Protein backbone atom coordinates (compact mmCIF):
# COMPACT_ATOMS: atom_id res chain seq x y z
CA MET A 1 -160.63 43.32 -33.87
CA GLU A 2 -160.92 42.02 -37.72
CA LYS A 3 -159.14 38.56 -37.07
CA GLU A 4 -161.57 37.45 -34.41
CA ILE A 5 -164.71 37.81 -35.96
CA LEU A 6 -163.02 36.12 -38.72
CA THR A 7 -161.80 33.65 -36.76
CA GLN A 8 -165.24 32.89 -34.84
CA ILE A 9 -167.22 32.97 -38.68
CA ASN A 10 -164.64 30.50 -39.45
CA ARG A 11 -164.96 28.61 -36.57
CA THR A 12 -169.22 28.25 -36.78
CA VAL A 13 -168.67 27.46 -40.42
CA LEU A 14 -166.55 24.41 -39.63
CA ALA A 15 -169.19 23.59 -37.17
CA VAL A 16 -172.11 23.76 -40.06
CA LEU A 17 -169.73 22.05 -42.86
CA LEU A 18 -169.39 19.22 -40.16
CA ARG A 19 -172.97 18.94 -38.86
CA ALA A 20 -173.50 18.80 -43.13
CA LEU A 21 -171.37 16.30 -43.92
CA ARG A 22 -172.72 13.64 -40.94
CA VAL A 23 -175.88 14.81 -42.02
CA LEU A 24 -174.68 14.31 -45.98
CA TYR A 25 -173.14 11.13 -45.06
CA ARG A 26 -176.08 9.13 -44.40
CA GLU A 27 -178.40 11.31 -47.32
CA ASP A 28 -175.87 10.68 -50.34
CA SER A 29 -174.89 7.90 -51.52
CA ARG A 30 -171.67 9.72 -52.87
CA ILE A 31 -170.09 11.56 -49.84
CA ARG A 32 -171.29 8.13 -48.23
CA THR A 33 -168.86 6.62 -51.13
CA GLU A 34 -166.36 8.48 -50.77
CA ILE A 35 -165.82 8.26 -46.83
CA ASP A 36 -166.64 4.89 -46.60
CA SER A 37 -163.51 4.69 -49.02
CA TRP A 38 -161.15 6.31 -46.25
CA PRO A 39 -159.31 4.06 -44.05
CA GLU A 40 -161.60 3.63 -40.77
CA GLY A 41 -159.52 5.64 -38.05
CA LEU A 42 -158.04 8.63 -40.61
CA THR A 43 -158.07 12.16 -39.28
CA LEU A 44 -158.18 15.31 -40.46
CA LYS A 45 -157.75 18.79 -39.43
CA LEU A 46 -158.80 22.05 -41.13
CA LYS A 47 -156.60 24.83 -39.47
CA CYS A 48 -157.80 28.40 -40.26
CA GLY A 49 -154.29 30.25 -40.49
CA PRO A 50 -152.27 31.58 -36.76
CA GLY A 51 -154.44 31.59 -33.85
CA GLY A 52 -157.45 30.56 -35.92
CA ALA A 53 -160.30 28.01 -35.61
CA VAL A 54 -159.33 24.32 -36.01
CA LEU A 55 -161.53 21.63 -37.23
CA ALA A 56 -160.23 17.92 -36.78
CA LEU A 57 -162.41 14.73 -37.59
CA GLN A 58 -161.73 10.77 -37.52
CA LYS A 59 -163.50 8.45 -40.54
CA SER A 60 -165.51 6.33 -37.63
CA GLY A 61 -167.85 3.79 -39.00
CA THR A 62 -170.65 4.28 -36.87
CA TYR A 63 -170.86 8.56 -38.20
CA GLY A 64 -168.92 8.75 -41.04
CA ILE A 65 -167.00 11.09 -39.46
CA ARG A 66 -167.21 12.59 -35.73
CA ARG A 67 -165.22 15.19 -34.22
CA LEU A 68 -162.13 15.41 -32.51
CA ARG A 69 -162.07 17.72 -29.55
CA ALA A 70 -157.53 17.77 -29.93
CA ALA A 71 -155.98 15.95 -32.62
CA GLN A 72 -152.09 16.27 -31.60
CA HIS A 73 -151.16 13.87 -35.16
CA THR A 74 -153.77 13.71 -37.89
CA ASP A 75 -153.16 12.01 -41.07
CA ILE A 76 -154.03 14.69 -43.25
CA THR A 77 -153.22 18.59 -42.15
CA MET A 78 -154.86 21.11 -44.45
CA ASN A 79 -153.54 24.96 -42.82
CA PHE A 80 -154.43 28.19 -44.20
CA LYS A 81 -151.73 30.30 -44.58
CA SER A 82 -154.60 33.17 -43.00
CA VAL A 83 -157.02 33.78 -40.96
CA GLN A 84 -158.52 35.96 -43.96
CA GLY A 85 -157.10 32.86 -46.57
CA ALA A 86 -159.68 31.08 -44.60
CA PHE A 87 -162.35 32.85 -44.28
CA ARG A 88 -162.34 33.55 -48.52
CA VAL A 89 -162.63 30.30 -48.93
CA LEU A 90 -165.51 29.12 -46.15
CA SER A 91 -167.14 32.07 -47.36
CA GLY A 92 -167.46 30.93 -50.44
CA GLN A 93 -165.75 33.59 -52.32
CA VAL A 94 -162.70 30.88 -53.39
CA GLY A 95 -162.70 27.95 -54.53
CA ILE A 96 -160.80 24.91 -52.60
CA SER A 97 -159.01 24.42 -56.03
CA GLU A 98 -158.46 28.36 -56.86
CA ALA A 99 -156.98 28.39 -52.95
CA TYR A 100 -154.73 25.57 -53.01
CA ALA A 101 -153.16 27.13 -57.15
CA ARG A 102 -153.43 30.34 -55.49
CA HIS A 103 -151.19 28.99 -52.23
CA LEU A 104 -153.52 30.34 -49.68
CA PHE A 105 -152.87 26.64 -47.57
CA SER A 106 -150.24 23.89 -47.60
CA LEU A 107 -150.77 20.12 -46.90
CA GLU A 108 -149.42 17.50 -45.20
CA GLY A 109 -150.53 13.95 -45.61
CA ASP A 110 -152.14 11.64 -48.21
CA ILE A 111 -152.67 13.94 -51.89
CA TYR A 112 -155.39 10.83 -52.73
CA GLN A 113 -157.23 10.75 -49.91
CA THR A 114 -157.15 14.87 -49.46
CA MET A 115 -159.23 15.05 -52.90
CA SER A 116 -161.55 12.37 -51.67
CA PHE A 117 -162.28 15.35 -48.69
CA VAL A 118 -162.36 18.05 -50.97
CA ARG A 119 -164.93 16.28 -53.30
CA CYS A 120 -166.62 15.76 -49.86
CA VAL A 121 -166.82 19.32 -48.77
CA GLU A 122 -167.95 20.44 -52.62
CA TYR A 123 -170.51 18.56 -52.83
CA ALA A 124 -171.39 19.81 -49.00
CA GLU A 125 -170.70 23.47 -51.12
CA ALA A 126 -173.35 22.69 -53.36
CA TYR A 127 -176.13 22.04 -50.77
CA LEU A 128 -175.06 24.69 -48.33
CA PHE A 129 -174.03 27.83 -50.76
CA PRO A 130 -176.82 29.31 -52.83
CA ARG A 131 -176.53 28.84 -57.10
CA ILE A 132 -175.42 31.73 -57.58
CA MET A 133 -171.54 31.21 -55.80
CA THR A 134 -171.43 27.20 -56.06
CA ARG A 135 -171.31 28.32 -59.87
CA ARG A 136 -168.33 30.60 -59.27
CA ILE A 137 -166.75 28.31 -57.16
CA LEU A 138 -167.59 24.85 -58.50
CA ARG A 139 -166.35 23.57 -61.82
CA GLU A 140 -169.57 21.52 -61.81
CA ILE A 141 -172.50 21.59 -59.78
CA PRO A 142 -173.51 18.25 -58.22
CA GLU A 143 -177.54 17.50 -58.81
CA LYS A 144 -178.86 17.39 -55.19
CA ARG A 145 -180.34 14.64 -53.50
CA LEU A 146 -182.45 16.72 -50.78
CA SER A 147 -182.93 20.45 -50.36
CA THR A 148 -181.15 22.82 -48.93
CA LEU A 149 -183.34 23.47 -46.00
CA GLN A 150 -183.74 20.14 -45.72
CA VAL A 151 -179.60 19.96 -45.31
CA TYR A 152 -179.74 22.77 -42.47
CA ALA A 153 -182.43 21.36 -40.77
CA LEU A 154 -181.39 17.67 -40.28
CA SER A 155 -177.86 19.41 -39.29
CA VAL A 156 -179.69 21.38 -36.87
CA VAL A 157 -181.48 17.80 -35.37
CA GLU A 158 -177.56 15.98 -35.32
CA HIS A 159 -176.51 18.79 -33.16
CA VAL A 160 -179.10 18.66 -30.65
């Protein structure tokens, strides 16, 4: 039962993360610059353990990034070794750098492009998580260009 609950939480957090990245692509030039540096059509997949939640996305000129329903081939795959490990990262208990150091996930693909994606996720975390959490998981807390409430509100509008 615990695995199913954590999988659902991971799925929800990944959906919020994707929407936030799409909003921030429009609103924060740092994220737009990172994503624009990716080759058109670049595909990424985050797998949250065996049988866990999956987020597949693709660089798209129209939206910056778009969700893929099913991605057989991906250029970059971050595969968390367990649903619990993915939950620890997605819930802000462990930063992505620490997760990599602890071998909580494996990586397939170009590490340079992956680091660009990680920078985008870290910017999004700075917007989405309270400052007390971001101090613990990020080396440096970036300046916000809009409020957390605005990001969440625009993410809801993005979904509608």
